[in-house]
Amino acid sequence: MSEEPQTIVSDKVRRALLELGLTEYEVRAYLALVEHGPMTASELSETKLIPYSKIYEVLGSLVEKGFVETQQGRPAKYFPKSPAAAVESLVQSLERDLHQKSEIAIRELMLIFEEKGGRERPDIWILRGEKSVAEKIREAVSRCEKELLIAAPSFTKEFADILYGLILSVRAKDTKVQLMLSSSLPSNIINRFSQIAEVRVRGQMFGGGIICDNREVVIVFAEDKGPVLAIWSDHAGLAKFAKTYFEYLWKESKKFKRKP
């Protein structure tokens, strides 16, 4: 048996295709078509050391997955589809499949979880460190559908970019967003946020945080020294109290006039 011919494709690409769900034989077949152009099943089998007994099964699977198309003839020829189109189609298919499986798991497990009293006691978590707090805020905002209230006395440039992206993501769902900022922040930053949310500013703020749909809250405490400290909770009473306090501060804050 002859050795497999040299290839211009890196091992990193091969591993990526395998991790996307292609088999070793499917990777060999598709890469051969990409590198050498259309071939018959027999030519392809010889080129990449794919057993002839498996070649039609491999090619049929690649056609089904959207990586290869055929041209009828005697013998038939196989053409590679554009890598961009093929991989994107596969990713979309995997995402749909993953979403369906997630829904099945969540739907059935939540029925058991709630039936057994899993939601009798709301969670309260203590968060330490900017990374942990940012991740929890991102997670909570992803569940927000109707209203997002944010109080941010200060933040780093990195967190400002994270917050901007999160607001854009919920605005895509027509979620109402109110953002209260410290007047000590640079005006260009405040103006940037005013392009995507209703913004008010105030001179003094003790801590900050977010409230999602009046049911989930992350409260970030003002830091003097040490790591950022926050609490997350889905306690209805705490979320209601936090919203009431936010609304009080909101009424006392100044409207920001957006600049073009």
C-alpha atoms as a PDB file:
ATOM      1  CA  MET A   1       0.000   0.000   0.000  1.00  0.00           C
ATOM      2  CA  SER A   2       1.442   3.376  -0.977  1.00  0.00           C
ATOM      3  CA  GLU A   3       1.982   6.138   1.523  1.00  0.00           C
ATOM      4  CA  GLU A   4      -0.514   8.959   1.814  1.00  0.00           C
ATOM      5  CA  PRO A   5       0.599  11.883  -0.403  1.00  0.00           C
ATOM      6  CA  GLN A   6       1.893  15.143   1.019  1.00  0.00           C
ATOM      7  CA  THR A   7      -0.767  17.677   1.916  1.00  0.00           C
ATOM      8  CA  ILE A   8      -0.708  21.469   2.156  1.00  0.00           C
ATOM      9  CA  VAL A   9      -3.347  21.458   4.904  1.00  0.00           C
ATOM     10  CA  SER A  10      -2.129  21.816   8.494  1.00  0.00           C
ATOM     11  CA  ASP A  11      -2.869  19.346  11.267  1.00  0.00           C
ATOM     12  CA  LYS A  12      -4.769  22.140  13.015  1.00  0.00           C
ATOM     13  CA  VAL A  13      -7.323  22.188  10.177  1.00  0.00           C
ATOM     14  CA  ARG A  14      -7.653  18.405  10.300  1.00  0.00           C
ATOM     15  CA  ARG A  15      -8.293  18.473  14.045  1.00  0.00           C
ATOM     16  CA  ALA A  16     -10.852  21.257  13.643  1.00  0.00           C
ATOM     17  CA  LEU A  17     -12.833  19.247  11.084  1.00  0.00           C
ATOM     18  CA  LEU A  18     -12.715  16.171  13.314  1.00  0.00           C
ATOM     19  CA  GLU A  19     -13.963  18.212  16.285  1.00  0.00           C
ATOM     20  CA  LEU A  20     -16.807  19.542  14.131  1.00  0.00           C
ATOM     21  CA  GLY A  21     -18.011  15.972  13.701  1.00  0.00           C
ATOM     22  CA  LEU A  22     -16.407  14.651  10.513  1.00  0.00           C
ATOM     23  CA  THR A  23     -14.833  11.198  10.615  1.00  0.00           C
ATOM     24  CA  GLU A  24     -11.190  10.594   9.724  1.00  0.00           C
ATOM     25  CA  TYR A  25     -12.167   9.171   6.317  1.00  0.00           C
ATOM     26  CA  GLU A  26     -14.521  12.111   5.666  1.00  0.00           C
ATOM     27  CA  VAL A  27     -11.734  14.575   6.470  1.00  0.00           C
ATOM     28  CA  ARG A  28      -9.368  12.760   4.119  1.00  0.00           C
ATOM     29  CA  ALA A  29     -11.916  12.699   1.312  1.00  0.00           C
ATOM     30  CA  TYR A  30     -12.952  16.347   1.620  1.00  0.00           C
ATOM     31  CA  LEU A  31      -9.369  17.627   1.864  1.00  0.00           C
ATOM     32  CA  ALA A  32      -8.411  15.574  -1.192  1.00  0.00           C
ATOM     33  CA  LEU A  33     -11.192  17.202  -3.218  1.00  0.00           C
ATOM     34  CA  VAL A  34     -10.257  20.674  -1.974  1.00  0.00           C
ATOM     35  CA  GLU A  35      -6.567  20.172  -2.764  1.00  0.00           C
ATOM     36  CA  HIS A  36      -6.805  18.228  -6.022  1.00  0.00           C
ATOM     37  CA  GLY A  37     -10.206  19.119  -7.471  1.00  0.00           C
ATOM     38  CA  PRO A  38     -13.149  16.931  -8.599  1.00  0.00           C
ATOM     39  CA  MET A  39     -12.536  13.195  -8.663  1.00  0.00           C
ATOM     40  CA  THR A  40     -14.369   9.914  -9.103  1.00  0.00           C
ATOM     41  CA  ALA A  41     -14.867   7.596  -6.153  1.00  0.00           C
ATOM     42  CA  SER A  42     -12.133   5.295  -7.439  1.00  0.00           C
ATOM     43  CA  GLU A  43      -9.629   8.142  -7.872  1.00  0.00           C
ATOM     44  CA  LEU A  44     -10.455   9.472  -4.442  1.00  0.00           C
ATOM     45  CA  SER A  45      -9.991   6.099  -2.803  1.00  0.00           C
ATOM     46  CA  GLU A  46      -6.532   5.722  -4.293  1.00  0.00           C
ATOM     47  CA  THR A  47      -5.463   9.277  -3.469  1.00  0.00           C
ATOM     48  CA  LYS A  48      -6.177   9.244   0.243  1.00  0.00           C
ATOM     49  CA  LEU A  49      -5.959   5.570   1.167  1.00  0.00           C
ATOM     50  CA  ILE A  50      -9.675   5.268   1.845  1.00  0.00           C
ATOM     51  CA  PRO A  51     -10.780   1.654   1.455  1.00  0.00           C
ATOM     52  CA  TYR A  52     -12.854   1.301  -1.711  1.00  0.00           C
ATOM     53  CA  SER A  53     -15.399  -0.677   0.290  1.00  0.00           C
ATOM     54  CA  LYS A  54     -16.091   2.468   2.349  1.00  0.00           C
ATOM     55  CA  ILE A  55     -15.684   5.227  -0.222  1.00  0.00           C
ATOM     56  CA  TYR A  56     -19.347   5.487  -1.269  1.00  0.00           C
ATOM     57  CA  GLU A  57     -20.498   5.484   2.347  1.00  0.00           C
ATOM     58  CA  VAL A  58     -17.998   8.273   3.134  1.00  0.00           C
ATOM     59  CA  LEU A  59     -18.993  10.348   0.096  1.00  0.00           C
ATOM     60  CA  GLY A  60     -22.688   9.862   0.802  1.00  0.00           C
ATOM     61  CA  SER A  61     -22.183  11.157   4.335  1.00  0.00           C
ATOM     62  CA  LEU A  62     -20.252  14.196   3.050  1.00  0.00           C
ATOM     63  CA  VAL A  63     -23.067  14.969   0.592  1.00  0.00           C
ATOM     64  CA  GLU A  64     -25.594  14.740   3.445  1.00  0.00           C
ATOM     65  CA  LYS A  65     -23.476  17.022   5.651  1.00  0.00           C
ATOM     66  CA  GLY A  66     -23.177  19.595   2.844  1.00  0.00           C
ATOM     67  CA  PHE A  67     -19.457  19.263   2.130  1.00  0.00           C
ATOM     68  CA  VAL A  68     -19.636  17.558  -1.268  1.00  0.00           C
ATOM     69  CA  GLU A  69     -21.882  17.555  -4.342  1.00  0.00           C
ATOM     70  CA  THR A  70     -22.002  15.121  -7.256  1.00  0.00           C
ATOM     71  CA  GLN A  71     -22.105  15.386 -11.030  1.00  0.00           C
ATOM     72  CA  GLN A  72     -23.851  12.452 -12.648  1.00  0.00           C
ATOM     73  CA  GLY A  73     -21.921  10.542 -15.240  1.00  0.00           C
ATOM     74  CA  ARG A  74     -20.068   7.318 -15.892  1.00  0.00           C
ATOM     75  CA  PRO A  75     -18.369   7.353 -13.539  1.00  0.00           C
ATOM     76  CA  ALA A  76     -19.871  10.096 -11.345  1.00  0.00           C
ATOM     77  CA  LYS A  77     -17.573  12.883 -10.177  1.00  0.00           C
ATOM     78  CA  TYR A  78     -17.521  14.467  -6.741  1.00  0.00           C
ATOM     79  CA  PHE A  79     -16.942  18.200  -6.190  1.00  0.00           C
ATOM     80  CA  PRO A  80     -16.015  19.946  -2.920  1.00  0.00           C
ATOM     81  CA  LYS A  81     -18.355  22.681  -1.773  1.00  0.00           C
ATOM     82  CA  SER A  82     -16.910  25.989  -0.612  1.00  0.00           C
ATOM     83  CA  PRO A  83     -15.269  25.466   2.819  1.00  0.00           C
ATOM     84  CA  ALA A  84     -16.955  28.622   4.128  1.00  0.00           C
ATOM     85  CA  ALA A  85     -20.421  27.471   3.056  1.00  0.00           C
ATOM     86  CA  ALA A  86     -19.852  23.857   4.128  1.00  0.00           C
ATOM     87  CA  VAL A  87     -18.553  24.659   7.618  1.00  0.00           C
ATOM     88  CA  GLU A  88     -21.188  27.349   8.234  1.00  0.00           C
ATOM     89  CA  SER A  89     -23.952  24.936   7.206  1.00  0.00           C
ATOM     90  CA  LEU A  90     -22.563  22.267   9.535  1.00  0.00           C
ATOM     91  CA  VAL A  91     -22.262  24.711  12.450  1.00  0.00           C
ATOM     92  CA  GLN A  92     -25.875  25.834  11.970  1.00  0.00           C
ATOM     93  CA  SER A  93     -26.997  22.217  11.911  1.00  0.00           C
ATOM     94  CA  LEU A  94     -25.034  21.457  15.102  1.00  0.00           C
ATOM     95  CA  GLU A  95     -26.456  24.543  16.812  1.00  0.00           C
ATOM     96  CA  ARG A  96     -30.026  23.541  15.910  1.00  0.00           C
ATOM     97  CA  ASP A  97     -29.430  20.036  17.188  1.00  0.00           C
ATOM     98  CA  LEU A  98     -27.820  21.322  20.392  1.00  0.00           C
ATOM     99  CA  HIS A  99     -30.668  23.785  20.959  1.00  0.00           C
ATOM    100  CA  GLN A 100     -33.296  21.042  20.534  1.00  0.00           C
ATOM    101  CA  LYS A 101     -31.475  18.741  22.954  1.00  0.00           C
ATOM    102  CA  SER A 102     -31.064  21.594  25.460  1.00  0.00           C
ATOM    103  CA  GLU A 103     -34.788  22.359  25.336  1.00  0.00           C
ATOM    104  CA  ILE A 104     -35.675  18.705  25.902  1.00  0.00           C
ATOM    105  CA  ALA A 105     -33.304  18.448  28.879  1.00  0.00           C
ATOM    106  CA  ILE A 106     -34.427  21.742  30.443  1.00  0.00           C
ATOM    107  CA  ARG A 107     -38.141  21.119  29.926  1.00  0.00           C
ATOM    108  CA  GLU A 108     -38.200  17.685  31.548  1.00  0.00           C
ATOM    109  CA  LEU A 109     -35.654  18.362  34.294  1.00  0.00           C
ATOM    110  CA  MET A 110     -37.301  21.642  35.348  1.00  0.00           C
ATOM    111  CA  LEU A 111     -40.617  19.829  35.876  1.00  0.00           C
ATOM    112  CA  ILE A 112     -38.888  17.423  38.268  1.00  0.00           C
ATOM    113  CA  PHE A 113     -36.820  20.184  39.879  1.00  0.00           C
ATOM    114  CA  GLU A 114     -39.824  22.396  40.619  1.00  0.00           C
ATOM    115  CA  GLU A 115     -42.027  19.469  41.667  1.00  0.00           C
ATOM    116  CA  LYS A 116     -39.464  18.465  44.291  1.00  0.00           C
ATOM    117  CA  GLY A 117     -39.354  21.973  45.724  1.00  0.00           C
ATOM    118  CA  GLY A 118     -36.050  22.996  44.191  1.00  0.00           C
ATOM    119  CA  ARG A 119     -37.213  26.616  43.969  1.00  0.00           C
ATOM    120  CA  GLU A 120     -38.524  26.927  47.535  1.00  0.00           C
ATOM    121  CA  ARG A 121     -35.393  28.753  48.663  1.00  0.00           C
ATOM    122  CA  PRO A 122     -33.997  31.407  46.314  1.00  0.00           C
ATOM    123  CA  ASP A 123     -30.288  31.476  45.647  1.00  0.00           C
ATOM    124  CA  ILE A 124     -27.996  34.178  47.007  1.00  0.00           C
ATOM    125  CA  TRP A 125     -24.415  34.054  45.833  1.00  0.00           C
ATOM    126  CA  ILE A 126     -21.438  36.108  46.978  1.00  0.00           C
ATOM    127  CA  LEU A 127     -19.106  37.036  44.116  1.00  0.00           C
ATOM    128  CA  ARG A 128     -15.501  38.134  44.465  1.00  0.00           C
ATOM    129  CA  GLY A 129     -13.261  39.535  41.748  1.00  0.00           C
ATOM    130  CA  GLU A 130     -14.016  41.545  38.629  1.00  0.00           C
ATOM    131  CA  LYS A 131     -14.000  38.481  36.372  1.00  0.00           C
ATOM    132  CA  SER A 132     -16.551  36.557  38.479  1.00  0.00           C
ATOM    133  CA  VAL A 133     -18.801  39.603  38.772  1.00  0.00           C
ATOM    134  CA  ALA A 134     -18.626  40.320  35.030  1.00  0.00           C
ATOM    135  CA  GLU A 135     -19.455  36.699  34.177  1.00  0.00           C
ATOM    136  CA  LYS A 136     -22.477  36.687  36.492  1.00  0.00           C
ATOM    137  CA  ILE A 137     -23.725  39.975  35.061  1.00  0.00           C
ATOM    138  CA  ARG A 138     -23.333  38.601  31.529  1.00  0.00           C
ATOM    139  CA  GLU A 139     -25.246  35.458  32.521  1.00  0.00           C
ATOM    140  CA  ALA A 140     -28.084  37.411  34.150  1.00  0.00           C
ATOM    141  CA  VAL A 141     -28.411  39.862  31.249  1.00  0.00           C
ATOM    142  CA  SER A 142     -28.673  36.970  28.794  1.00  0.00           C
ATOM    143  CA  ARG A 143     -31.950  36.017  30.525  1.00  0.00           C
ATOM    144  CA  CYS A 144     -33.322  39.561  30.486  1.00  0.00           C
ATOM    145  CA  GLU A 145     -36.333  40.046  28.212  1.00  0.00           C
ATOM    146  CA  LYS A 146     -38.412  43.079  29.247  1.00  0.00           C
ATOM    147  CA  GLU A 147     -36.429  45.509  31.391  1.00  0.00           C
ATOM    148  CA  LEU A 148     -32.774  46.012  32.314  1.00  0.00           C
ATOM    149  CA  LEU A 149     -31.830  48.593  34.950  1.00  0.00           C
ATOM    150  CA  ILE A 150     -28.135  49.411  35.400  1.00  0.00           C
ATOM    151  CA  ALA A 151     -26.285  51.591  37.906  1.00  0.00           C
ATOM    152  CA  ALA A 152     -22.572  52.031  37.168  1.00  0.00           C
ATOM    153  CA  PRO A 153     -20.614  54.541  39.269  1.00  0.00           C
ATOM    154  CA  SER A 154     -17.346  53.542  37.598  1.00  0.00           C
ATOM    155  CA  PHE A 155     -15.829  50.846  35.421  1.00  0.00           C
ATOM    156  CA  THR A 156     -12.685  49.913  33.561  1.00  0.00           C
ATOM    157  CA  LYS A 157     -12.427  50.260  29.797  1.00  0.00           C
ATOM    158  CA  GLU A 158     -12.684  46.466  29.487  1.00  0.00           C
ATOM    159  CA  PHE A 159     -15.900  46.348  31.504  1.00  0.00           C
ATOM    160  CA  ALA A 160     -17.289  49.352  29.611  1.00  0.00           C
ATOM    161  CA  ASP A 161     -16.882  47.384  26.379  1.00  0.00           C
ATOM    162  CA  ILE A 162     -18.545  44.322  27.960  1.00  0.00           C
ATOM    163  CA  LEU A 163     -21.450  46.430  29.219  1.00  0.00           C
ATOM    164  CA  TYR A 164     -21.896  48.108  25.843  1.00  0.00           C
ATOM    165  CA  GLY A 165     -22.102  44.719  24.126  1.00  0.00           C
ATOM    166  CA  LEU A 166     -24.594  43.399  26.692  1.00  0.00           C
ATOM    167  CA  ILE A 167     -26.876  46.395  26.219  1.00  0.00           C
ATOM    168  CA  LEU A 168     -26.800  45.917  22.452  1.00  0.00           C
ATOM    169  CA  SER A 169     -27.718  42.254  22.881  1.00  0.00           C
ATOM    170  CA  VAL A 170     -30.828  42.987  24.977  1.00  0.00           C
ATOM    171  CA  ARG A 171     -31.864  45.935  22.812  1.00  0.00           C
ATOM    172  CA  ALA A 172     -32.042  43.459  19.924  1.00  0.00           C
ATOM    173  CA  LYS A 173     -34.900  41.851  21.896  1.00  0.00           C
ATOM    174  CA  ASP A 174     -36.641  45.237  22.355  1.00  0.00           C
ATOM    175  CA  THR A 175     -35.757  45.227  26.034  1.00  0.00           C
ATOM    176  CA  LYS A 176     -36.146  48.540  27.867  1.00  0.00           C
ATOM    177  CA  VAL A 177     -32.764  49.723  29.178  1.00  0.00           C
ATOM    178  CA  GLN A 178     -32.159  52.477  31.775  1.00  0.00           C
ATOM    179  CA  LEU A 179     -28.552  53.286  32.604  1.00  0.00           C
ATOM    180  CA  MET A 180     -27.527  55.467  35.546  1.00  0.00           C
ATOM    181  CA  LEU A 181     -23.912  56.682  35.444  1.00  0.00           C
ATOM    182  CA  SER A 182     -21.671  58.809  37.603  1.00  0.00           C
ATOM    183  CA  SER A 183     -21.229  62.362  36.351  1.00  0.00           C
ATOM    184  CA  SER A 184     -17.512  61.965  37.030  1.00  0.00           C
ATOM    185  CA  LEU A 185     -17.154  59.589  34.068  1.00  0.00           C
ATOM    186  CA  PRO A 186     -15.706  61.100  30.854  1.00  0.00           C
ATOM    187  CA  SER A 187     -18.446  62.717  28.780  1.00  0.00           C
ATOM    188  CA  ASN A 188     -17.460  60.793  25.656  1.00  0.00           C
ATOM    189  CA  ILE A 189     -18.111  57.489  27.458  1.00  0.00           C
ATOM    190  CA  ILE A 190     -21.475  58.691  28.765  1.00  0.00           C
ATOM    191  CA  ASN A 191     -22.396  59.946  25.304  1.00  0.00           C
ATOM    192  CA  ARG A 192     -21.460  56.607  23.761  1.00  0.00           C
ATOM    193  CA  PHE A 193     -23.887  54.781  26.037  1.00  0.00           C
ATOM    194  CA  SER A 194     -26.590  57.368  25.414  1.00  0.00           C
ATOM    195  CA  GLN A 195     -26.683  56.210  21.787  1.00  0.00           C
ATOM    196  CA  ILE A 196     -28.088  52.826  22.827  1.00  0.00           C
ATOM    197  CA  ALA A 197     -29.889  53.386  26.146  1.00  0.00           C
ATOM    198  CA  GLU A 198     -31.760  55.955  28.216  1.00  0.00           C
ATOM    199  CA  VAL A 199     -29.045  57.545  30.362  1.00  0.00           C
ATOM    200  CA  ARG A 200     -29.123  59.687  33.482  1.00  0.00           C
ATOM    201  CA  VAL A 201     -26.198  60.926  35.571  1.00  0.00           C
ATOM    202  CA  ARG A 202     -25.758  61.802  39.235  1.00  0.00           C
ATOM    203  CA  GLY A 203     -22.957  63.116  41.363  1.00  0.00           C
ATOM    204  CA  GLN A 204     -22.832  60.480  44.078  1.00  0.00           C
ATOM    205  CA  MET A 205     -23.451  56.749  43.831  1.00  0.00           C
ATOM    206  CA  PHE A 206     -22.848  54.133  46.492  1.00  0.00           C
ATOM    207  CA  GLY A 207     -22.123  50.972  44.580  1.00  0.00           C
ATOM    208  CA  GLY A 208     -23.940  49.790  41.494  1.00  0.00           C
ATOM    209  CA  GLY A 209     -25.396  46.760  39.807  1.00  0.00           C
ATOM    210  CA  ILE A 210     -28.135  45.494  37.538  1.00  0.00           C
ATOM    211  CA  ILE A 211     -31.772  44.439  37.874  1.00  0.00           C
ATOM    212  CA  CYS A 212     -33.227  42.102  35.236  1.00  0.00           C
ATOM    213  CA  ASP A 213     -36.991  41.930  34.719  1.00  0.00           C
ATOM    214  CA  ASN A 214     -37.622  42.760  38.384  1.00  0.00           C
ATOM    215  CA  ARG A 215     -36.663  39.187  39.319  1.00  0.00           C
ATOM    216  CA  GLU A 216     -32.869  38.913  39.269  1.00  0.00           C
ATOM    217  CA  VAL A 217     -30.300  41.285  40.719  1.00  0.00           C
ATOM    218  CA  VAL A 218     -26.525  41.726  40.913  1.00  0.00           C
ATOM    219  CA  ILE A 219     -25.459  44.316  43.491  1.00  0.00           C
ATOM    220  CA  VAL A 220     -21.853  45.511  43.250  1.00  0.00           C
ATOM    221  CA  PHE A 221     -20.453  47.199  46.340  1.00  0.00           C
ATOM    222  CA  ALA A 222     -18.212  50.243  46.131  1.00  0.00           C
ATOM    223  CA  GLU A 223     -14.611  49.144  46.600  1.00  0.00           C
ATOM    224  CA  ASP A 224     -11.925  50.948  48.555  1.00  0.00           C
ATOM    225  CA  LYS A 225      -9.276  48.245  48.572  1.00  0.00           C
ATOM    226  CA  GLY A 226      -9.196  44.611  47.618  1.00  0.00           C
ATOM    227  CA  PRO A 227     -11.167  42.693  44.966  1.00  0.00           C
ATOM    228  CA  VAL A 228     -14.588  43.705  43.667  1.00  0.00           C
ATOM    229  CA  LEU A 229     -17.372  42.276  45.842  1.00  0.00           C
ATOM    230  CA  ALA A 230     -20.955  41.633  44.731  1.00  0.00           C
ATOM    231  CA  ILE A 231     -24.012  39.531  45.465  1.00  0.00           C
ATOM    232  CA  TRP A 232     -26.362  37.884  43.002  1.00  0.00           C
ATOM    233  CA  SER A 233     -29.885  36.809  43.902  1.00  0.00           C
ATOM    234  CA  ASP A 234     -33.202  35.821  42.370  1.00  0.00           C
ATOM    235  CA  HIS A 235     -35.069  36.568  45.612  1.00  0.00           C
ATOM    236  CA  ALA A 236     -38.241  38.424  44.582  1.00  0.00           C
ATOM    237  CA  GLY A 237     -38.221  40.672  47.643  1.00  0.00           C
ATOM    238  CA  LEU A 238     -34.602  41.697  47.174  1.00  0.00           C
ATOM    239  CA  ALA A 239     -35.109  42.390  43.464  1.00  0.00           C
ATOM    240  CA  LYS A 240     -38.184  44.522  44.255  1.00  0.00           C
ATOM    241  CA  PHE A 241     -36.303  46.470  46.927  1.00  0.00           C
ATOM    242  CA  ALA A 242     -33.376  47.065  44.564  1.00  0.00           C
ATOM    243  CA  LYS A 243     -35.713  48.319  41.844  1.00  0.00           C
ATOM    244  CA  THR A 244     -37.497  50.678  44.239  1.00  0.00           C
ATOM    245  CA  TYR A 245     -34.155  52.153  45.306  1.00  0.00           C
ATOM    246  CA  PHE A 246     -33.020  52.431  41.691  1.00  0.00           C
ATOM    247  CA  GLU A 247     -36.218  54.280  40.732  1.00  0.00           C
ATOM    248  CA  TYR A 248     -35.740  56.692  43.629  1.00  0.00           C
ATOM    249  CA  LEU A 249     -32.192  57.504  42.485  1.00  0.00           C
ATOM    250  CA  TRP A 250     -33.322  57.674  38.852  1.00  0.00           C
ATOM    251  CA  LYS A 251     -35.899  60.374  39.607  1.00  0.00           C
ATOM    252  CA  GLU A 252     -33.244  62.403  41.414  1.00  0.00           C
ATOM    253  CA  SER A 253     -30.713  62.088  38.580  1.00  0.00           C
ATOM    254  CA  LYS A 254     -30.158  64.440  35.626  1.00  0.00           C
ATOM    255  CA  LYS A 255     -31.104  63.516  32.085  1.00  0.00           C
ATOM    256  CA  PHE A 256     -28.097  63.338  29.809  1.00  0.00           C
ATOM    257  CA  LYS A 257     -28.382  65.306  26.591  1.00  0.00           C
ATOM    258  CA  ARG A 258     -26.992  63.148  23.829  1.00  0.00           C
ATOM    259  CA  LYS A 259     -24.465  64.797  21.548  1.00  0.00           C
ATOM    260  CA  PRO A 260     -24.339  64.008  17.816  1.00  0.00           C
END
